[in-house]
PDB file of all heavy atoms in Angstrom:
ATOM      1  N   LYS A   1       6.306 -10.631  36.179  1.00  0.00           N
ATOM      2  CA  LYS A   1       7.449 -11.324  36.764  1.00  0.00           C
ATOM      3  C   LYS A   1       8.318 -10.309  37.477  1.00  0.00           C
ATOM      4  O   LYS A   1       8.366  -9.136  37.119  1.00  0.00           O
ATOM      5  CB  LYS A   1       8.215 -12.111  35.679  1.00  0.00           C
ATOM      6  CG  LYS A   1       9.050 -11.249  34.695  1.00  0.00           C
ATOM      7  CD  LYS A   1      10.473 -11.005  35.158  1.00  0.00           C
ATOM      8  CE  LYS A   1      11.302 -10.230  34.113  1.00  0.00           C
ATOM      9  NZ  LYS A   1      12.604  -9.807  34.633  1.00  0.00           N
ATOM     10  N   PHE A   2       9.072 -10.759  38.475  1.00  0.00           N
ATOM     11  CA  PHE A   2      10.013  -9.937  39.262  1.00  0.00           C
ATOM     12  C   PHE A   2      11.199 -10.795  39.570  1.00  0.00           C
ATOM     13  O   PHE A   2      11.116 -11.737  40.301  1.00  0.00           O
ATOM     14  CB  PHE A   2       9.297  -9.411  40.461  1.00  0.00           C
ATOM     15  CG  PHE A   2      10.199  -8.475  41.273  1.00  0.00           C
ATOM     16  CD1 PHE A   2      10.437  -7.168  40.895  1.00  0.00           C
ATOM     17  CD2 PHE A   2      10.807  -8.900  42.474  1.00  0.00           C
ATOM     18  CE1 PHE A   2      11.227  -6.326  41.618  1.00  0.00           C
ATOM     19  CE2 PHE A   2      11.619  -8.067  43.212  1.00  0.00           C
ATOM     20  CZ  PHE A   2      11.811  -6.746  42.780  1.00  0.00           C
ATOM     21  N   TYR A   3      12.372 -10.439  38.980  1.00  0.00           N
ATOM     22  CA  TYR A   3      13.602 -11.173  39.216  1.00  0.00           C
ATOM     23  C   TYR A   3      14.570 -10.314  39.996  1.00  0.00           C
ATOM     24  O   TYR A   3      15.008  -9.255  39.550  1.00  0.00           O
ATOM     25  CB  TYR A   3      14.206 -11.624  37.850  1.00  0.00           C
ATOM     26  CG  TYR A   3      15.529 -12.287  37.917  1.00  0.00           C
ATOM     27  CD1 TYR A   3      15.922 -13.038  39.069  1.00  0.00           C
ATOM     28  CD2 TYR A   3      16.453 -12.194  36.911  1.00  0.00           C
ATOM     29  CE1 TYR A   3      17.147 -13.659  39.108  1.00  0.00           C
ATOM     30  CE2 TYR A   3      17.707 -12.831  36.954  1.00  0.00           C
ATOM     31  CZ  TYR A   3      18.049 -13.559  38.070  1.00  0.00           C
ATOM     32  OH  TYR A   3      19.277 -14.149  38.113  1.00  0.00           O
ATOM     33  N   LEU A   4      14.912 -10.769  41.181  1.00  0.00           N
ATOM     34  CA  LEU A   4      15.835 -10.036  42.090  1.00  0.00           C
ATOM     35  C   LEU A   4      17.048 -10.900  42.435  1.00  0.00           C
ATOM     36  O   LEU A   4      16.878 -12.075  42.713  1.00  0.00           O
ATOM     37  CB  LEU A   4      15.090  -9.612  43.375  1.00  0.00           C
ATOM     38  CG  LEU A   4      15.918  -8.872  44.446  1.00  0.00           C
ATOM     39  CD1 LEU A   4      15.013  -7.868  45.188  1.00  0.00           C
ATOM     40  CD2 LEU A   4      16.569  -9.834  45.427  1.00  0.00           C
ATOM     41  N   THR A   5      18.206 -10.309  42.401  1.00  0.00           N
ATOM     42  CA  THR A   5      19.407 -10.993  42.828  1.00  0.00           C
ATOM     43  C   THR A   5      20.103 -10.171  43.942  1.00  0.00           C
ATOM     44  O   THR A   5      19.908  -8.970  44.027  1.00  0.00           O
ATOM     45  CB  THR A   5      20.409 -11.159  41.679  1.00  0.00           C
ATOM     46  OG1 THR A   5      21.038  -9.884  41.410  1.00  0.00           O
ATOM     47  CG2 THR A   5      19.722 -11.661  40.435  1.00  0.00           C
ATOM     48  N   THR A   6      20.901 -10.866  44.717  1.00  0.00           N
ATOM     49  CA  THR A   6      21.814 -10.184  45.619  1.00  0.00           C
ATOM     50  C   THR A   6      23.236 -10.430  45.108  1.00  0.00           C
ATOM     51  O   THR A   6      23.462 -11.236  44.208  1.00  0.00           O
ATOM     52  CB  THR A   6      21.687 -10.679  47.060  1.00  0.00           C
ATOM     53  OG1 THR A   6      22.160 -12.076  47.075  1.00  0.00           O
ATOM     54  CG2 THR A   6      20.264 -10.578  47.578  1.00  0.00           C
ATOM     55  N   ALA A   7      24.151  -9.773  45.711  1.00  0.00           N
ATOM     56  CA  ALA A   7      25.563 -10.070  45.400  1.00  0.00           C
ATOM     57  C   ALA A   7      25.861 -11.496  45.885  1.00  0.00           C
ATOM     58  O   ALA A   7      25.329 -11.960  46.897  1.00  0.00           O
ATOM     59  CB  ALA A   7      26.490  -9.099  46.150  1.00  0.00           C
ATOM     60  N   ILE A   8      26.659 -12.225  45.123  1.00  0.00           N
ATOM     61  CA  ILE A   8      27.090 -13.530  45.601  1.00  0.00           C
ATOM     62  C   ILE A   8      28.226 -13.336  46.597  1.00  0.00           C
ATOM     63  O   ILE A   8      29.045 -12.467  46.424  1.00  0.00           O
ATOM     64  CB  ILE A   8      27.519 -14.453  44.401  1.00  0.00           C
ATOM     65  CG1 ILE A   8      28.556 -13.776  43.513  1.00  0.00           C
ATOM     66  CG2 ILE A   8      26.286 -14.890  43.624  1.00  0.00           C
ATOM     67  CD1 ILE A   8      29.071 -14.726  42.425  1.00  0.00           C
ATOM     68  N   ASP A   9      28.220 -14.125  47.633  1.00  0.00           N
ATOM     69  CA  ASP A   9      29.128 -13.908  48.795  1.00  0.00           C
ATOM     70  C   ASP A   9      30.475 -14.598  48.573  1.00  0.00           C
ATOM     71  O   ASP A   9      30.550 -15.761  48.167  1.00  0.00           O
ATOM     72  CB  ASP A   9      28.480 -14.487  50.045  1.00  0.00           C
ATOM     73  CG  ASP A   9      27.158 -13.786  50.388  1.00  0.00           C
ATOM     74  OD1 ASP A   9      27.096 -12.534  50.259  1.00  0.00           O
ATOM     75  OD2 ASP A   9      26.245 -14.496  50.805  1.00  0.00           O
ATOM     76  N   TYR A  10      31.544 -13.872  48.936  1.00  0.00           N
ATOM     77  CA  TYR A  10      32.828 -14.554  49.113  1.00  0.00           C
ATOM     78  C   TYR A  10      32.676 -15.513  50.270  1.00  0.00           C
ATOM     79  O   TYR A  10      32.137 -15.197  51.303  1.00  0.00           O
ATOM     80  CB  TYR A  10      33.922 -13.536  49.458  1.00  0.00           C
ATOM     81  CG  TYR A  10      34.402 -12.703  48.305  1.00  0.00           C
ATOM     82  CD1 TYR A  10      34.578 -11.322  48.467  1.00  0.00           C
ATOM     83  CD2 TYR A  10      34.717 -13.265  47.083  1.00  0.00           C
ATOM     84  CE1 TYR A  10      35.013 -10.547  47.387  1.00  0.00           C
ATOM     85  CE2 TYR A  10      35.188 -12.494  46.018  1.00  0.00           C
ATOM     86  CZ  TYR A  10      35.289 -11.144  46.181  1.00  0.00           C
ATOM     87  OH  TYR A  10      35.813 -10.356  45.151  1.00  0.00           O
ATOM     88  N   VAL A  11      33.222 -16.710  50.080  1.00  0.00           N
ATOM     89  CA  VAL A  11      33.070 -17.728  51.117  1.00  0.00           C
ATOM     90  C   VAL A  11      34.389 -18.030  51.827  1.00  0.00           C
ATOM     91  O   VAL A  11      34.642 -19.124  52.299  1.00  0.00           O
ATOM     92  CB  VAL A  11      32.434 -19.053  50.556  1.00  0.00           C
ATOM     93  CG1 VAL A  11      31.022 -18.816  50.162  1.00  0.00           C
ATOM     94  CG2 VAL A  11      33.258 -19.566  49.357  1.00  0.00           C
ATOM     95  N   ASN A  12      35.252 -16.998  51.896  1.00  0.00           N
ATOM     96  CA  ASN A  12      36.535 -17.188  52.565  1.00  0.00           C
ATOM     97  C   ASN A  12      36.384 -17.023  54.096  1.00  0.00           C
ATOM     98  O   ASN A  12      37.316 -17.248  54.844  1.00  0.00           O
ATOM     99  CB  ASN A  12      37.577 -16.229  52.043  1.00  0.00           C
ATOM    100  CG  ASN A  12      37.191 -14.809  52.249  1.00  0.00           C
ATOM    101  OD1 ASN A  12      36.088 -14.383  51.838  1.00  0.00           O
ATOM    102  ND2 ASN A  12      38.051 -13.997  52.830  1.00  0.00           N
ATOM    103  N   ALA A  13      35.193 -16.618  54.578  1.00  0.00           N
ATOM    104  CA  ALA A  13      34.928 -16.484  55.990  1.00  0.00           C
ATOM    105  C   ALA A  13      33.450 -16.656  56.240  1.00  0.00           C
ATOM    106  O   ALA A  13      32.647 -16.575  55.279  1.00  0.00           O
ATOM    107  CB  ALA A  13      35.390 -15.126  56.500  1.00  0.00           C
ATOM    108  N   LYS A  14      33.052 -16.909  57.475  1.00  0.00           N
ATOM    109  CA  LYS A  14      31.634 -17.118  57.803  1.00  0.00           C
ATOM    110  C   LYS A  14      30.848 -15.858  57.613  1.00  0.00           C
ATOM    111  O   LYS A  14      31.329 -14.734  57.686  1.00  0.00           O
ATOM    112  CB  LYS A  14      31.509 -17.615  59.253  1.00  0.00           C
ATOM    113  CG  LYS A  14      32.143 -18.960  59.536  1.00  0.00           C
ATOM    114  CD  LYS A  14      31.964 -19.408  60.977  1.00  0.00           C
ATOM    115  CE  LYS A  14      32.582 -20.783  61.176  1.00  0.00           C
ATOM    116  NZ  LYS A  14      32.374 -21.233  62.586  1.00  0.00           N
ATOM    117  N   PRO A  15      29.524 -16.036  57.311  1.00  0.00           N
ATOM    118  CA  PRO A  15      28.676 -14.857  57.105  1.00  0.00           C
ATOM    119  C   PRO A  15      28.516 -14.036  58.384  1.00  0.00           C
ATOM    120  O   PRO A  15      28.484 -14.606  59.472  1.00  0.00           O
ATOM    121  CB  PRO A  15      27.345 -15.470  56.666  1.00  0.00           C
ATOM    122  CG  PRO A  15      27.386 -16.929  57.148  1.00  0.00           C
ATOM    123  CD  PRO A  15      28.801 -17.331  57.121  1.00  0.00           C
ATOM    124  N   HIS A  16      28.431 -12.715  58.219  1.00  0.00           N
ATOM    125  CA  HIS A  16      28.241 -11.838  59.378  1.00  0.00           C
ATOM    126  C   HIS A  16      26.990 -11.001  59.169  1.00  0.00           C
ATOM    127  O   HIS A  16      26.226 -11.218  58.246  1.00  0.00           O
ATOM    128  CB  HIS A  16      29.499 -10.978  59.620  1.00  0.00           C
ATOM    129  CG  HIS A  16      29.943 -10.178  58.409  1.00  0.00           C
ATOM    130  ND1 HIS A  16      29.239  -9.152  57.885  1.00  0.00           N
ATOM    131  CD2 HIS A  16      31.069 -10.314  57.612  1.00  0.00           C
ATOM    132  CE1 HIS A  16      29.875  -8.635  56.845  1.00  0.00           C
ATOM    133  NE2 HIS A  16      30.967  -9.335  56.633  1.00  0.00           N
ATOM    134  N   LEU A  17      26.818 -10.011  60.009  1.00  0.00           N
ATOM    135  CA  LEU A  17      25.589  -9.226  59.981  1.00  0.00           C
ATOM    136  C   LEU A  17      25.406  -8.409  58.666  1.00  0.00           C
ATOM    137  O   LEU A  17      24.303  -8.169  58.231  1.00  0.00           O
ATOM    138  CB  LEU A  17      25.546  -8.256  61.168  1.00  0.00           C
ATOM    139  CG  LEU A  17      24.172  -7.702  61.546  1.00  0.00           C
ATOM    140  CD1 LEU A  17      23.200  -8.812  61.924  1.00  0.00           C
ATOM    141  CD2 LEU A  17      24.324  -6.692  62.662  1.00  0.00           C
ATOM    142  N   GLY A  18      26.552  -8.079  58.036  1.00  0.00           N
ATOM    143  CA  GLY A  18      26.452  -7.398  56.762  1.00  0.00           C
ATOM    144  C   GLY A  18      25.834  -8.283  55.689  1.00  0.00           C
ATOM    145  O   GLY A  18      24.963  -7.822  54.918  1.00  0.00           O
ATOM    146  N   HIS A  19      26.228  -9.539  55.657  1.00  0.00           N
ATOM    147  CA  HIS A  19      25.607 -10.491  54.739  1.00  0.00           C
ATOM    148  C   HIS A  19      24.117 -10.648  55.058  1.00  0.00           C
ATOM    149  O   HIS A  19      23.272 -10.616  54.165  1.00  0.00           O
ATOM    150  CB  HIS A  19      26.263 -11.883  54.851  1.00  0.00           C
ATOM    151  CG  HIS A  19      27.687 -11.932  54.497  1.00  0.00           C
ATOM    152  ND1 HIS A  19      28.688 -11.927  55.433  1.00  0.00           N
ATOM    153  CD2 HIS A  19      28.316 -12.005  53.326  1.00  0.00           C
ATOM    154  CE1 HIS A  19      29.879 -12.005  54.840  1.00  0.00           C
ATOM    155  NE2 HIS A  19      29.659 -12.035  53.552  1.00  0.00           N
ATOM    156  N   ALA A  20      23.805 -10.778  56.358  1.00  0.00           N
ATOM    157  CA  ALA A  20      22.451 -10.957  56.790  1.00  0.00           C
ATOM    158  C   ALA A  20      21.583  -9.795  56.356  1.00  0.00           C
ATOM    159  O   ALA A  20      20.432  -9.995  55.849  1.00  0.00           O
ATOM    160  CB  ALA A  20      22.366 -11.124  58.300  1.00  0.00           C
ATOM    161  N   TYR A  21      22.072  -8.592  56.495  1.00  0.00           N
ATOM    162  CA  TYR A  21      21.261  -7.416  56.191  1.00  0.00           C
ATOM    163  C   TYR A  21      20.875  -7.370  54.693  1.00  0.00           C
ATOM    164  O   TYR A  21      19.680  -7.174  54.368  1.00  0.00           O
ATOM    165  CB  TYR A  21      22.077  -6.158  56.518  1.00  0.00           C
ATOM    166  CG  TYR A  21      21.400  -4.864  56.087  1.00  0.00           C
ATOM    167  CD1 TYR A  21      20.103  -4.538  56.479  1.00  0.00           C
ATOM    168  CD2 TYR A  21      22.031  -3.972  55.268  1.00  0.00           C
ATOM    169  CE1 TYR A  21      19.488  -3.398  56.102  1.00  0.00           C
ATOM    170  CE2 TYR A  21      21.449  -2.775  54.897  1.00  0.00           C
ATOM    171  CZ  TYR A  21      20.148  -2.491  55.275  1.00  0.00           C
ATOM    172  OH  TYR A  21      19.535  -1.326  54.930  1.00  0.00           O
ATOM    173  N   GLU A  22      21.820  -7.645  53.820  1.00  0.00           N
ATOM    174  CA  GLU A  22      21.505  -7.632  52.415  1.00  0.00           C
ATOM    175  C   GLU A  22      20.471  -8.702  52.053  1.00  0.00           C
ATOM    176  O   GLU A  22      19.527  -8.418  51.318  1.00  0.00           O
ATOM    177  CB  GLU A  22      22.775  -7.877  51.589  1.00  0.00           C
ATOM    178  CG  GLU A  22      22.572  -7.947  50.089  1.00  0.00           C
ATOM    179  CD  GLU A  22      23.861  -8.064  49.318  1.00  0.00           C
ATOM    180  OE1 GLU A  22      24.603  -7.062  49.231  1.00  0.00           O
ATOM    181  OE2 GLU A  22      24.191  -9.156  48.822  1.00  0.00           O
ATOM    182  N   LYS A  23      20.643  -9.907  52.584  1.00  0.00           N
ATOM    183  CA  LYS A  23      19.764 -10.988  52.245  1.00  0.00           C
ATOM    184  C   LYS A  23      18.357 -10.792  52.863  1.00  0.00           C
ATOM    185  O   LYS A  23      17.350 -11.102  52.217  1.00  0.00           O
ATOM    186  CB  LYS A  23      20.337 -12.330  52.678  1.00  0.00           C
ATOM    187  CG  LYS A  23      21.715 -12.614  52.122  1.00  0.00           C
ATOM    188  CD  LYS A  23      21.789 -12.458  50.599  1.00  0.00           C
ATOM    189  CE  LYS A  23      23.147 -12.831  50.007  1.00  0.00           C
ATOM    190  NZ  LYS A  23      24.223 -11.849  50.261  1.00  0.00           N
ATOM    191  N   VAL A  24      18.297 -10.261  54.080  1.00  0.00           N
ATOM    192  CA  VAL A  24      17.022 -10.052  54.704  1.00  0.00           C
ATOM    193  C   VAL A  24      16.258  -8.943  53.959  1.00  0.00           C
ATOM    194  O   VAL A  24      15.033  -9.070  53.717  1.00  0.00           O
ATOM    195  CB  VAL A  24      17.196  -9.663  56.199  1.00  0.00           C
ATOM    196  CG1 VAL A  24      15.935  -9.041  56.767  1.00  0.00           C
ATOM    197  CG2 VAL A  24      17.607 -10.880  57.003  1.00  0.00           C
ATOM    198  N   ALA A  25      16.947  -7.885  53.564  1.00  0.00           N
ATOM    199  CA  ALA A  25      16.286  -6.791  52.822  1.00  0.00           C
ATOM    200  C   ALA A  25      15.744  -7.326  51.488  1.00  0.00           C
ATOM    201  O   ALA A  25      14.603  -7.029  51.107  1.00  0.00           O
ATOM    202  CB  ALA A  25      17.255  -5.648  52.616  1.00  0.00           C
ATOM    203  N   ALA A  26      16.592  -8.087  50.802  1.00  0.00           N
ATOM    204  CA  ALA A  26      16.116  -8.643  49.503  1.00  0.00           C
ATOM    205  C   ALA A  26      14.922  -9.598  49.707  1.00  0.00           C
ATOM    206  O   ALA A  26      13.981  -9.552  48.945  1.00  0.00           O
ATOM    207  CB  ALA A  26      17.300  -9.425  48.854  1.00  0.00           C
ATOM    208  N   ASP A  27      14.998 -10.408  50.731  1.00  0.00           N
ATOM    209  CA  ASP A  27      13.890 -11.313  51.039  1.00  0.00           C
ATOM    210  C   ASP A  27      12.599 -10.550  51.306  1.00  0.00           C
ATOM    211  O   ASP A  27      11.512 -10.948  50.828  1.00  0.00           O
ATOM    212  CB  ASP A  27      14.261 -12.192  52.233  1.00  0.00           C
ATOM    213  CG  ASP A  27      13.146 -13.156  52.597  1.00  0.00           C
ATOM    214  OD1 ASP A  27      12.968 -14.144  51.905  1.00  0.00           O
ATOM    215  OD2 ASP A  27      12.464 -12.928  53.621  1.00  0.00           O
ATOM    216  N   CYS A  28      12.697  -9.456  52.040  1.00  0.00           N
ATOM    217  CA  CYS A  28      11.563  -8.613  52.363  1.00  0.00           C
ATOM    218  C   CYS A  28      10.931  -8.037  51.084  1.00  0.00           C
ATOM    219  O   CYS A  28       9.698  -8.112  50.865  1.00  0.00           O
ATOM    220  CB  CYS A  28      11.942  -7.500  53.311  1.00  0.00           C
ATOM    221  SG  CYS A  28      10.599  -6.393  53.777  1.00  0.00           S
ATOM    222  N   ILE A  29      11.774  -7.588  50.176  1.00  0.00           N
ATOM    223  CA  ILE A  29      11.295  -7.001  48.891  1.00  0.00           C
ATOM    224  C   ILE A  29      10.570  -8.090  48.118  1.00  0.00           C
ATOM    225  O   ILE A  29       9.481  -7.825  47.572  1.00  0.00           O
ATOM    226  CB  ILE A  29      12.486  -6.450  48.088  1.00  0.00           C
ATOM    227  CG1 ILE A  29      13.055  -5.213  48.826  1.00  0.00           C
ATOM    228  CG2 ILE A  29      12.067  -6.086  46.688  1.00  0.00           C
ATOM    229  CD1 ILE A  29      14.359  -4.708  48.250  1.00  0.00           C
ATOM    230  N   VAL A  30      11.152  -9.263  47.991  1.00  0.00           N
ATOM    231  CA  VAL A  30      10.548 -10.336  47.222  1.00  0.00           C
ATOM    232  C   VAL A  30       9.216 -10.803  47.823  1.00  0.00           C
ATOM    233  O   VAL A  30       8.256 -11.016  47.137  1.00  0.00           O
ATOM    234  CB  VAL A  30      11.499 -11.538  47.077  1.00  0.00           C
ATOM    235  CG1 VAL A  30      10.831 -12.736  46.460  1.00  0.00           C
ATOM    236  CG2 VAL A  30      12.717 -11.107  46.220  1.00  0.00           C
ATOM    237  N   ARG A  31       9.180 -10.953  49.167  1.00  0.00           N
ATOM    238  CA  ARG A  31       7.916 -11.348  49.818  1.00  0.00           C
ATOM    239  C   ARG A  31       6.831 -10.324  49.544  1.00  0.00           C
ATOM    240  O   ARG A  31       5.670 -10.672  49.308  1.00  0.00           O
ATOM    241  CB  ARG A  31       8.135 -11.511  51.328  1.00  0.00           C
ATOM    242  CG  ARG A  31       8.942 -12.737  51.737  1.00  0.00           C
ATOM    243  CD  ARG A  31       9.169 -12.762  53.247  1.00  0.00           C
ATOM    244  NE  ARG A  31      10.015 -13.866  53.691  1.00  0.00           N
ATOM    245  CZ  ARG A  31       9.536 -15.058  54.040  1.00  0.00           C
ATOM    246  NH1 ARG A  31       8.251 -15.302  54.028  1.00  0.00           N
ATOM    247  NH2 ARG A  31      10.368 -16.000  54.461  1.00  0.00           N
ATOM    248  N   ALA A  32       7.194  -9.038  49.525  1.00  0.00           N
ATOM    249  CA  ALA A  32       6.225  -7.988  49.293  1.00  0.00           C
ATOM    250  C   ALA A  32       5.719  -8.098  47.846  1.00  0.00           C
ATOM    251  O   ALA A  32       4.524  -7.967  47.589  1.00  0.00           O
ATOM    252  CB  ALA A  32       6.844  -6.631  49.529  1.00  0.00           C
ATOM    253  N   ARG A  33       6.608  -8.322  46.892  1.00  0.00           N
ATOM    254  CA  ARG A  33       6.166  -8.437  45.491  1.00  0.00           C
ATOM    255  C   ARG A  33       5.273  -9.629  45.286  1.00  0.00           C
ATOM    256  O   ARG A  33       4.327  -9.570  44.526  1.00  0.00           O
ATOM    257  CB  ARG A  33       7.433  -8.526  44.633  1.00  0.00           C
ATOM    258  CG  ARG A  33       8.252  -7.238  44.557  1.00  0.00           C
ATOM    259  CD  ARG A  33       7.415  -6.094  43.990  1.00  0.00           C
ATOM    260  NE  ARG A  33       8.201  -4.889  43.863  1.00  0.00           N
ATOM    261  CZ  ARG A  33       8.407  -4.230  42.741  1.00  0.00           C
ATOM    262  NH1 ARG A  33       7.923  -4.697  41.586  1.00  0.00           N
ATOM    263  NH2 ARG A  33       9.122  -3.162  42.719  1.00  0.00           N
ATOM    264  N   ARG A  34       5.577 -10.758  45.982  1.00  0.00           N
ATOM    265  CA  ARG A  34       4.734 -11.918  45.851  1.00  0.00           C
ATOM    266  C   ARG A  34       3.348 -11.619  46.441  1.00  0.00           C
ATOM    267  O   ARG A  34       2.317 -12.043  45.879  1.00  0.00           O
ATOM    268  CB  ARG A  34       5.362 -13.099  46.537  1.00  0.00           C
ATOM    269  CG  ARG A  34       6.548 -13.652  45.775  1.00  0.00           C
ATOM    270  CD  ARG A  34       7.020 -14.986  46.298  1.00  0.00           C
ATOM    271  NE  ARG A  34       8.049 -15.533  45.458  1.00  0.00           N
ATOM    272  CZ  ARG A  34       9.269 -15.899  45.839  1.00  0.00           C
ATOM    273  NH1 ARG A  34       9.563 -15.791  47.113  1.00  0.00           N
ATOM    274  NH2 ARG A  34      10.149 -16.395  44.951  1.00  0.00           N
ATOM    275  N   ALA A  35       3.292 -10.879  47.555  1.00  0.00           N
ATOM    276  CA  ALA A  35       2.060 -10.542  48.146  1.00  0.00           C
ATOM    277  C   ALA A  35       1.246  -9.627  47.232  1.00  0.00           C
ATOM    278  O   ALA A  35      -0.010  -9.584  47.327  1.00  0.00           O
ATOM    279  CB  ALA A  35       2.249  -9.815  49.513  1.00  0.00           C
ATOM    280  N   MET A  36       1.908  -8.895  46.344  1.00  0.00           N
ATOM    281  CA  MET A  36       1.262  -8.039  45.390  1.00  0.00           C
ATOM    282  C   MET A  36       0.792  -8.829  44.161  1.00  0.00           C
ATOM    283  O   MET A  36       0.250  -8.232  43.200  1.00  0.00           O
ATOM    284  CB  MET A  36       2.149  -6.912  44.957  1.00  0.00           C
ATOM    285  CG  MET A  36       2.515  -5.928  46.074  1.00  0.00           C
ATOM    286  SD  MET A  36       3.778  -4.703  45.453  1.00  0.00           S
ATOM    287  CE  MET A  36       4.427  -4.131  46.989  1.00  0.00           C
ATOM    288  N   GLY A  37       1.034 -10.137  44.148  1.00  0.00           N
ATOM    289  CA  GLY A  37       0.628 -10.974  43.064  1.00  0.00           C
ATOM    290  C   GLY A  37       1.638 -11.212  41.955  1.00  0.00           C
ATOM    291  O   GLY A  37       1.296 -11.759  40.932  1.00  0.00           O
ATOM    292  N   GLU A  38       2.873 -10.790  42.162  1.00  0.00           N
ATOM    293  CA  GLU A  38       3.868 -10.957  41.116  1.00  0.00           C
ATOM    294  C   GLU A  38       4.554 -12.312  41.183  1.00  0.00           C
ATOM    295  O   GLU A  38       4.687 -12.869  42.294  1.00  0.00           O
ATOM    296  CB  GLU A  38       4.916  -9.818  41.205  1.00  0.00           C
ATOM    297  CG  GLU A  38       4.306  -8.470  40.958  1.00  0.00           C
ATOM    298  CD  GLU A  38       5.333  -7.354  40.998  1.00  0.00           C
ATOM    299  OE1 GLU A  38       6.565  -7.640  40.957  1.00  0.00           O
ATOM    300  OE2 GLU A  38       4.972  -6.159  41.065  1.00  0.00           O
ATOM    301  N   ASP A  39       4.965 -12.812  40.082  1.00  0.00           N
ATOM    302  CA  ASP A  39       5.711 -14.095  39.992  1.00  0.00           C
ATOM    303  C   ASP A  39       7.192 -13.725  40.183  1.00  0.00           C
ATOM    304  O   ASP A  39       7.852 -13.216  39.262  1.00  0.00           O
ATOM    305  CB  ASP A  39       5.487 -14.717  38.628  1.00  0.00           C
ATOM    306  CG  ASP A  39       6.111 -16.102  38.490  1.00  0.00           C
ATOM    307  OD1 ASP A  39       6.592 -16.637  39.496  1.00  0.00           O
ATOM    308  OD2 ASP A  39       6.206 -16.616  37.342  1.00  0.00           O
ATOM    309  N   ALA A  40       7.720 -14.012  41.370  1.00  0.00           N
ATOM    310  CA  ALA A  40       9.041 -13.544  41.703  1.00  0.00           C
ATOM    311  C   ALA A  40      10.068 -14.677  41.713  1.00  0.00           C
ATOM    312  O   ALA A  40       9.780 -15.783  42.110  1.00  0.00           O
ATOM    313  CB  ALA A  40       9.019 -12.848  43.066  1.00  0.00           C
ATOM    314  N   LEU A  41      11.299 -14.354  41.348  1.00  0.00           N
ATOM    315  CA  LEU A  41      12.453 -15.251  41.457  1.00  0.00           C
ATOM    316  C   LEU A  41      13.503 -14.519  42.214  1.00  0.00           C
ATOM    317  O   LEU A  41      13.920 -13.410  41.911  1.00  0.00           O
ATOM    318  CB  LEU A  41      12.980 -15.590  40.051  1.00  0.00           C
ATOM    319  CG  LEU A  41      14.177 -16.535  40.006  1.00  0.00           C
ATOM    320  CD1 LEU A  41      13.830 -17.904  40.499  1.00  0.00           C
ATOM    321  CD2 LEU A  41      14.753 -16.595  38.582  1.00  0.00           C
ATOM    322  N   PHE A  42      14.049 -15.207  43.267  1.00  0.00           N
ATOM    323  CA  PHE A  42      14.983 -14.599  44.195  1.00  0.00           C
ATOM    324  C   PHE A  42      16.219 -15.498  44.221  1.00  0.00           C
ATOM    325  O   PHE A  42      16.172 -16.651  44.634  1.00  0.00           O
ATOM    326  CB  PHE A  42      14.337 -14.524  45.587  1.00  0.00           C
ATOM    327  CG  PHE A  42      15.208 -14.060  46.689  1.00  0.00           C
ATOM    328  CD1 PHE A  42      16.342 -13.305  46.492  1.00  0.00           C
ATOM    329  CD2 PHE A  42      14.833 -14.312  47.998  1.00  0.00           C
ATOM    330  CE1 PHE A  42      17.135 -12.850  47.520  1.00  0.00           C
ATOM    331  CE2 PHE A  42      15.600 -13.861  49.076  1.00  0.00           C
ATOM    332  CZ  PHE A  42      16.764 -13.173  48.835  1.00  0.00           C
ATOM    333  N   VAL A  43      17.373 -14.946  43.781  1.00  0.00           N
ATOM    334  CA  VAL A  43      18.601 -15.707  43.616  1.00  0.00           C
ATOM    335  C   VAL A  43      19.696 -15.108  44.473  1.00  0.00           C
ATOM    336  O   VAL A  43      19.959 -13.897  44.417  1.00  0.00           O
ATOM    337  CB  VAL A  43      19.016 -15.804  42.175  1.00  0.00           C
ATOM    338  CG1 VAL A  43      20.372 -16.495  42.013  1.00  0.00           C
ATOM    339  CG2 VAL A  43      17.972 -16.482  41.297  1.00  0.00           C
ATOM    340  N   ILE A  44      20.373 -15.943  45.231  1.00  0.00           N
ATOM    341  CA  ILE A  44      21.567 -15.573  45.952  1.00  0.00           C
ATOM    342  C   ILE A  44      22.655 -16.561  45.539  1.00  0.00           C
ATOM    343  O   ILE A  44      22.420 -17.425  44.700  1.00  0.00           O
ATOM    344  CB  ILE A  44      21.404 -15.553  47.506  1.00  0.00           C
ATOM    345  CG1 ILE A  44      21.133 -16.979  48.035  1.00  0.00           C
ATOM    346  CG2 ILE A  44      20.208 -14.644  47.862  1.00  0.00           C
ATOM    347  CD1 ILE A  44      21.068 -17.030  49.559  1.00  0.00           C
ATOM    348  N   GLY A  45      23.836 -16.514  46.158  1.00  0.00           N
ATOM    349  CA  GLY A  45      24.865 -17.482  45.770  1.00  0.00           C
ATOM    350  C   GLY A  45      26.203 -17.268  46.369  1.00  0.00           C
ATOM    351  O   GLY A  45      26.373 -16.457  47.304  1.00  0.00           O
ATOM    352  N   ALA A  46      27.187 -17.972  45.833  1.00  0.00           N
ATOM    353  CA  ALA A  46      28.536 -17.927  46.372  1.00  0.00           C
ATOM    354  C   ALA A  46      29.569 -17.669  45.259  1.00  0.00           C
ATOM    355  O   ALA A  46      29.481 -18.302  44.204  1.00  0.00           O
ATOM    356  CB  ALA A  46      28.895 -19.265  47.071  1.00  0.00           C
TER     357      ALA A  46
END
């Protein structure tokens, strides 16, 4: 199993490139782990 989280975002303003970078990087890591055969859980939030 592989459980990855990102920071939950403050929602007092719209998401910007900084939010995007963190989530895209995390998504890339999780996709890679799944491709390696791991059972992955990827959680983000607010």
